[in-house]
Amino acid sequence: MAMRAPQRFTSVPPRARMTLKTRAQLAKAEPGKTKLGFAGIGIMGLAMTRNLIKAGYEVYVWNRNPAKCDPLKAEGAKVVSSPKQLAQAADYTFAMLSDPPAALEVATGPDGIVAGLAKGKGYVDVSTVDAETSQAIAAAVRGSGAAFLEAPVSGSKKPAEDGKLIFLTAGDQALFDAVAGPLGAMGKASFFLGEVGAGANMKLVVNMIMGSMMVAFAEGLALAEQSGLKQQDLLDVLGLGAIAAPMFAMKGPSMMAHKYAPAFPLKHQQKDMRLAIQLGDQHAQTLPVASAANAAYLQARGKGLGDEDFSAVLEAIIKAHK
C-alpha cells in the first residue's frame, strides 16, 4: 500500500505570498543531491535526523556534546565541529535547540550558523522560541543573503521517531517550498502561516493548551484515586466521551505507574508555558488557567522533576495534597 503524502497548508493569500518570498531562487531539496545540516542532537533532533538519513539525504550534524552525534555517525552522518562548519557544508541547515538563548547563540554567535550561510542557502529553525527571538534570528540570516524559515514542531519523541511531526512554519515561502521533501521525511503535515513570528506564536498557543490539559488531567487522576475510584476506570470513561484525547490515552497508563521516561521534558513544557504567558501579557490578555498550570510545573521543577516527562507534574500535585 502506498504511503500517504505529507499534507501542506498555507493560510497566506496568493498575492500576499509574493512579499514573503526570498530574493534568491532556492533549489528543491532532493535525496542524493542535497546536503542537509542538523544542529542539536537531543531527544527530538536524534529522531528527526535519523529520518533524514533514512530518506537518503547526505546529512551533517553538530551538537555541543559531540558524543551525542555518535549514533548518527554510525548511520552515515558526517560530524562537524561548529555550527559555522555545519552551515558551510549544507545547502539547508535545521536546528532543534532548547530555548531562546541557545537558539540565538547557535545561530548568531561568533562561530554560529549565520557565519556559514550565503546566498542560495537556507536556515530552518525548528526550536520552540518566542516571536522576538525568531525575528532576531531571521534578520541575521537574511543579512547573510540566505533564506529563513521558523518551523517549530507539534509532537514529541514518538511522532518524531515515526516521522509524524506537524511543522508550524513562517518566513520565506521559497524555503518552505524548497525543503518540502525534508519536512515530509520528518512530519505528516506542514503549515505555512505567514511572516516570521506566526509559527512561534502558534507553537506557544498549542503548547499552552497542551500543558494546561496535562495539569487538569493529572489533577483528575489524583482526585479519582483520593475519592476511591479506579484510575483505569477514569481513563476508560474519558476515552469514550467528548473529551477523549490521544494524550490522555498515551500518557495515562505510565502516569498511573508513576513512570515518566522523557518524551517531552517537563522543563521544556514549563519554558513554553512561561513564553505563552509572556505572549498573553504583550496583548493584555489574562491567562488564569495557563498561569495556574505554569505554577504546577514550576513546583515540579522545584522537586527535581525537570528532566522527567512533563506528565511528571502529577507527582507535584500528589505531594501538594499530602
Protein backbone atom coordinates (compact mmCIF):
# COMPACT_ATOMS: atom_id res chain seq x y z
CA MET A 1 0.00 0.00 0.00
CA ALA A 2 1.37 3.41 -0.97
CA MET A 3 2.16 5.77 1.89
CA ARG A 4 0.02 8.89 2.20
CA ALA A 5 1.88 12.03 1.18
CA PRO A 6 2.52 14.58 3.96
CA GLN A 7 -0.04 17.39 3.99
CA ARG A 8 0.91 21.01 3.28
CA PHE A 9 -1.21 24.01 4.21
CA THR A 10 -0.85 27.77 3.76
CA SER A 11 -3.00 30.46 5.32
CA VAL A 12 -1.41 33.25 3.25
CA PRO A 13 -3.40 34.64 0.28
CA PRO A 14 -1.66 34.15 -3.10
CA ARG A 15 -0.98 37.87 -3.65
CA ALA A 16 0.49 38.27 -0.17
CA ARG A 17 2.78 35.30 -0.65
CA MET A 18 4.87 37.22 -3.14
CA THR A 19 6.10 39.58 -0.41
CA LEU A 20 7.20 36.62 1.72
CA LYS A 21 9.47 35.05 -0.87
CA THR A 22 13.20 35.27 -0.51
CA ARG A 23 15.16 37.26 -3.07
CA ALA A 24 17.09 34.24 -4.36
CA GLN A 25 15.72 31.17 -6.08
CA LEU A 26 16.28 28.07 -3.98
CA ALA A 27 16.89 24.57 -5.28
CA LYS A 28 14.40 21.90 -4.33
CA ALA A 29 15.90 19.55 -1.74
CA GLU A 30 16.23 16.05 -3.13
CA PRO A 31 17.76 12.84 -1.71
CA GLY A 32 21.14 12.11 -3.21
CA LYS A 33 21.58 15.72 -4.38
CA THR A 34 21.01 18.00 -1.41
CA LYS A 35 23.22 18.29 1.65
CA LEU A 36 21.37 18.90 4.91
CA GLY A 37 22.71 20.04 8.26
CA PHE A 38 21.18 19.45 11.69
CA ALA A 39 22.23 21.21 14.91
CA GLY A 40 21.01 19.97 18.28
CA ILE A 41 21.03 16.19 18.70
CA GLY A 42 18.76 15.71 21.69
CA ILE A 43 15.64 13.59 22.04
CA MET A 44 13.95 15.26 19.09
CA GLY A 45 16.98 16.06 16.96
CA LEU A 46 18.23 12.48 17.04
CA ALA A 47 14.93 11.08 15.78
CA MET A 48 14.45 13.79 13.16
CA THR A 49 17.96 13.42 11.78
CA ARG A 50 17.58 9.66 11.54
CA ASN A 51 14.54 10.14 9.32
CA LEU A 52 16.51 12.46 7.03
CA ILE A 53 19.24 9.83 6.73
CA LYS A 54 16.66 7.11 6.04
CA ALA A 55 15.16 9.30 3.31
CA GLY A 56 18.50 9.30 1.51
CA TYR A 57 19.84 12.79 2.22
CA GLU A 58 23.52 13.47 2.86
CA VAL A 59 23.44 14.77 6.43
CA TYR A 60 25.93 16.74 8.52
CA VAL A 61 25.41 17.08 12.28
CA TRP A 62 26.66 19.18 15.18
CA ASN A 63 26.00 19.12 18.91
CA ARG A 64 27.63 20.85 21.88
CA ASN A 65 28.35 17.40 23.30
CA PRO A 66 29.86 15.64 20.26
CA ALA A 67 29.28 12.18 21.81
CA LYS A 68 25.55 12.56 21.13
CA CYS A 69 26.36 12.52 17.41
CA ASP A 70 28.00 9.08 17.59
CA PRO A 71 24.85 7.04 16.79
CA LEU A 72 24.20 9.20 13.74
CA LYS A 73 27.82 8.95 12.62
CA ALA A 74 27.45 5.17 12.71
CA GLU A 75 24.38 5.53 10.48
CA GLY A 76 26.17 7.64 7.88
CA ALA A 77 26.00 11.24 9.10
CA LYS A 78 29.12 13.42 8.98
CA VAL A 79 30.04 15.21 12.22
CA VAL A 80 31.39 18.78 12.14
CA SER A 81 32.98 20.79 14.94
CA SER A 82 30.97 24.03 14.85
CA PRO A 83 27.62 25.48 13.72
CA LYS A 84 29.52 27.59 11.19
CA GLN A 85 31.05 24.50 9.59
CA LEU A 86 27.61 22.89 9.56
CA ALA A 87 26.08 25.74 7.56
CA GLN A 88 29.10 25.87 5.24
CA ALA A 89 28.77 22.16 4.45
CA ALA A 90 24.99 22.08 4.00
CA ASP A 91 22.61 23.54 1.45
CA TYR A 92 19.87 23.74 4.08
CA THR A 93 20.52 23.67 7.81
CA PHE A 94 18.00 22.68 10.51
CA ALA A 95 18.30 23.27 14.24
CA MET A 96 16.40 21.94 17.27
CA LEU A 97 17.62 23.86 20.32
CA SER A 98 16.44 24.01 23.91
CA ASP A 99 15.44 27.63 24.47
CA PRO A 100 15.72 31.20 23.10
CA PRO A 101 19.25 31.88 24.44
CA ALA A 102 20.55 28.64 22.92
CA ALA A 103 18.82 29.35 19.61
CA LEU A 104 20.35 32.84 19.44
CA GLU A 105 23.82 31.67 20.41
CA VAL A 106 23.96 28.81 17.91
CA ALA A 107 22.58 30.97 15.10
CA THR A 108 24.32 34.29 15.68
CA GLY A 109 27.37 33.53 17.83
CA PRO A 110 30.94 34.15 16.56
CA ASP A 111 31.17 30.62 15.16
CA GLY A 112 27.43 30.28 14.59
CA ILE A 113 25.16 29.19 11.75
CA VAL A 114 24.91 32.66 10.22
CA ALA A 115 28.69 32.86 9.80
CA GLY A 116 28.50 29.88 7.44
CA LEU A 117 25.48 30.96 5.40
CA ALA A 118 25.42 32.59 1.98
CA LYS A 119 23.01 33.38 -0.84
CA GLY A 120 21.26 30.23 -2.05
CA LYS A 121 21.40 28.55 1.35
CA GLY A 122 18.62 28.33 3.94
CA TYR A 123 18.22 28.02 7.70
CA VAL A 124 15.22 26.25 9.22
CA ASP A 125 14.89 26.70 12.99
CA VAL A 126 12.57 24.05 14.42
CA SER A 127 13.16 25.13 18.03
CA THR A 128 10.36 26.49 20.21
CA VAL A 129 11.16 30.13 20.93
CA ASP A 130 9.28 33.42 21.25
CA ALA A 131 8.49 35.53 18.19
CA GLU A 132 11.07 38.20 19.09
CA THR A 133 13.87 35.64 19.19
CA SER A 134 12.78 34.16 15.87
CA GLN A 135 12.63 37.61 14.27
CA ALA A 136 16.14 38.44 15.51
CA ILE A 137 17.49 35.22 14.03
CA ALA A 138 15.62 35.84 10.78
CA ALA A 139 17.18 39.31 10.43
CA ALA A 140 20.68 37.90 10.93
CA VAL A 141 20.10 35.04 8.47
CA ARG A 142 18.66 37.29 5.79
CA GLY A 143 21.53 39.72 6.32
CA SER A 144 23.85 36.95 5.09
CA GLY A 145 21.84 36.60 1.89
CA ALA A 146 20.30 33.28 2.96
CA ALA A 147 16.64 32.41 3.47
CA PHE A 148 14.96 31.76 6.81
CA LEU A 149 12.07 29.60 7.96
CA GLU A 150 10.88 29.17 11.51
CA ALA A 151 9.32 25.73 11.85
CA PRO A 152 8.58 24.72 15.45
CA VAL A 153 7.00 21.29 15.69
CA SER A 154 3.91 19.90 17.31
CA GLY A 155 4.75 16.42 18.57
CA SER A 156 7.22 14.76 20.92
CA LYS A 157 9.57 11.76 20.86
CA LYS A 158 7.27 9.08 19.35
CA PRO A 159 5.92 11.28 16.50
CA ALA A 160 9.50 12.38 15.81
CA GLU A 161 10.64 8.76 15.58
CA ASP A 162 7.68 7.87 13.34
CA GLY A 163 8.07 10.90 11.06
CA LYS A 164 4.66 12.19 12.17
CA LEU A 165 5.50 15.68 13.40
CA ILE A 166 3.48 18.78 12.46
CA PHE A 167 5.56 21.77 11.33
CA LEU A 168 4.25 25.27 12.09
CA THR A 169 6.25 27.41 9.69
CA ALA A 170 6.60 31.07 8.76
CA GLY A 171 9.14 33.21 6.95
CA ASP A 172 10.43 32.79 3.41
CA GLN A 173 7.95 30.77 1.41
CA ALA A 174 10.57 29.90 -1.18
CA LEU A 175 12.42 28.00 1.55
CA PHE A 176 9.19 26.36 2.71
CA ASP A 177 8.73 25.06 -0.84
CA ALA A 178 12.40 24.09 -1.23
CA VAL A 179 12.50 21.91 1.90
CA ALA A 180 9.16 20.20 1.32
CA GLY A 181 10.99 16.87 0.96
CA PRO A 182 12.90 17.01 4.26
CA LEU A 183 9.82 18.27 6.11
CA GLY A 184 7.86 15.39 4.62
CA ALA A 185 10.51 12.91 5.78
CA MET A 186 10.17 14.19 9.35
CA GLY A 187 6.48 15.04 9.54
CA LYS A 188 2.93 14.31 8.46
CA ALA A 189 1.88 17.94 7.88
CA SER A 190 3.41 21.38 7.35
CA PHE A 191 1.58 24.69 7.79
CA PHE A 192 2.86 27.94 6.27
CA LEU A 193 1.43 30.72 8.44
CA GLY A 194 2.95 33.92 7.05
CA GLU A 195 5.54 36.32 8.44
CA VAL A 196 8.25 35.30 10.90
CA GLY A 197 6.75 35.11 14.38
CA ALA A 198 3.49 33.49 13.33
CA GLY A 199 4.96 29.99 13.64
CA ALA A 200 6.47 30.74 17.04
CA ASN A 201 3.22 32.17 18.34
CA MET A 202 1.17 29.24 17.03
CA LYS A 203 3.50 26.78 18.77
CA LEU A 204 3.26 28.64 22.07
CA VAL A 205 -0.55 28.67 21.90
CA VAL A 206 -0.64 24.95 21.09
CA ASN A 207 1.77 24.04 23.90
CA MET A 208 -0.05 26.30 26.34
CA ILE A 209 -3.24 24.35 25.68
CA MET A 210 -1.42 21.02 25.91
CA GLY A 211 0.30 21.96 29.16
CA SER A 212 -2.93 23.15 30.73
CA MET A 213 -4.68 19.95 29.67
CA MET A 214 -1.97 17.83 31.24
CA VAL A 215 -2.26 19.59 34.60
CA ALA A 216 -6.05 19.19 34.58
CA PHE A 217 -5.63 15.52 33.67
CA ALA A 218 -3.09 15.00 36.47
CA GLU A 219 -5.44 16.67 38.96
CA GLY A 220 -8.23 14.37 37.79
CA LEU A 221 -6.11 11.24 38.24
CA ALA A 222 -5.10 12.35 41.72
CA LEU A 223 -8.65 13.25 42.74
CA ALA A 224 -10.04 9.99 41.38
CA GLU A 225 -7.60 8.00 43.49
CA GLN A 226 -8.29 10.06 46.60
CA SER A 227 -12.02 9.53 46.07
CA GLY A 228 -11.66 5.75 45.99
CA LEU A 229 -12.13 5.49 42.23
CA LYS A 230 -10.01 3.36 39.93
CA GLN A 231 -7.82 5.48 37.70
CA GLN A 232 -8.22 2.97 34.86
CA ASP A 233 -11.98 3.46 35.04
CA LEU A 234 -11.41 7.19 34.65
CA LEU A 235 -9.27 6.59 31.55
CA ASP A 236 -11.97 4.35 30.07
CA VAL A 237 -14.70 6.93 30.71
CA LEU A 238 -12.63 9.75 29.24
CA GLY A 239 -11.78 7.65 26.19
CA LEU A 240 -15.44 7.15 25.33
CA GLY A 241 -16.60 10.72 25.88
CA ALA A 242 -16.48 14.07 24.13
CA ILE A 243 -13.15 14.99 25.74
CA ALA A 244 -11.32 11.87 24.58
CA ALA A 245 -7.75 12.84 23.69
CA PRO A 246 -4.80 10.84 22.35
CA MET A 247 -2.61 12.44 25.02
CA PHE A 248 -4.77 11.02 27.83
CA ALA A 249 -4.71 7.55 26.27
CA MET A 250 -0.96 7.67 25.67
CA LYS A 251 0.19 9.21 28.96
CA GLY A 252 -2.42 7.79 31.33
CA PRO A 253 -1.01 4.27 31.82
CA SER A 254 2.54 5.47 32.52
CA MET A 255 1.25 8.15 34.89
CA MET A 256 -0.74 5.52 36.78
CA ALA A 257 2.51 3.55 37.13
CA HIS A 258 4.42 6.71 38.15
CA LYS A 259 6.87 6.22 35.29
CA TYR A 260 7.99 9.29 33.36
CA ALA A 261 10.51 8.41 30.66
CA PRO A 262 11.08 11.78 28.95
CA ALA A 263 9.38 12.18 25.60
CA PHE A 264 8.95 15.92 26.23
CA PRO A 265 10.92 17.08 29.29
CA LEU A 266 8.95 18.92 31.94
CA LYS A 267 11.46 21.79 32.00
CA HIS A 268 10.72 22.49 28.33
CA GLN A 269 6.96 22.42 28.90
CA GLN A 270 7.35 24.93 31.71
CA LYS A 271 9.51 27.13 29.46
CA ASP A 272 6.76 27.11 26.83
CA MET A 273 4.12 27.97 29.44
CA ARG A 274 6.25 30.92 30.55
CA LEU A 275 6.67 32.17 26.98
CA ALA A 276 2.94 31.79 26.29
CA ILE A 277 2.10 33.80 29.39
CA GLN A 278 4.52 36.49 28.21
CA LEU A 279 2.73 36.49 24.85
CA GLY A 280 -0.58 36.99 26.62
CA ASP A 281 0.91 39.89 28.56
CA GLN A 282 2.02 41.53 25.31
CA HIS A 283 -1.62 41.52 24.18
CA ALA A 284 -3.06 42.44 27.61
CA GLN A 285 -4.82 39.07 27.78
CA THR A 286 -5.02 37.37 31.13
CA LEU A 287 -4.38 33.63 31.10
CA PRO A 288 -5.52 32.38 34.53
CA VAL A 289 -5.71 28.71 33.58
CA ALA A 290 -2.30 28.71 31.91
CA SER A 291 -0.82 30.65 34.83
CA ALA A 292 -2.11 28.10 37.33
CA ALA A 293 -0.74 25.27 35.18
CA ASN A 294 2.62 27.03 34.95
CA ALA A 295 2.74 27.22 38.76
CA ALA A 296 2.28 23.43 38.91
CA TYR A 297 5.18 22.88 36.50
CA LEU A 298 7.36 25.27 38.49
CA GLN A 299 6.54 23.30 41.63
CA ALA A 300 7.50 20.08 39.83
CA ARG A 301 10.79 21.60 38.67
CA GLY A 302 11.47 22.63 42.25
CA LYS A 303 11.10 18.97 43.24
CA GLY A 304 13.80 17.92 40.76
CA LEU A 305 11.46 16.66 38.03
CA GLY A 306 12.61 18.98 35.24
CA ASP A 307 14.29 16.25 33.18
CA GLU A 308 11.37 13.82 33.53
CA ASP A 309 8.47 13.76 31.08
CA PHE A 310 6.08 16.67 31.51
CA SER A 311 3.44 14.22 32.75
CA ALA A 312 5.53 14.02 35.96
CA VAL A 313 3.64 17.14 37.05
CA LEU A 314 1.34 14.53 38.62
CA GLU A 315 3.92 13.96 41.34
CA ALA A 316 3.89 17.61 42.34
CA ILE A 317 0.10 17.57 42.50
CA ILE A 318 0.06 14.43 44.64
CA LYS A 319 2.64 15.83 47.06
CA ALA A 320 0.77 19.14 47.31
CA HIS A 321 -2.30 17.28 48.62
CA LYS A 322 -0.45 15.24 51.23
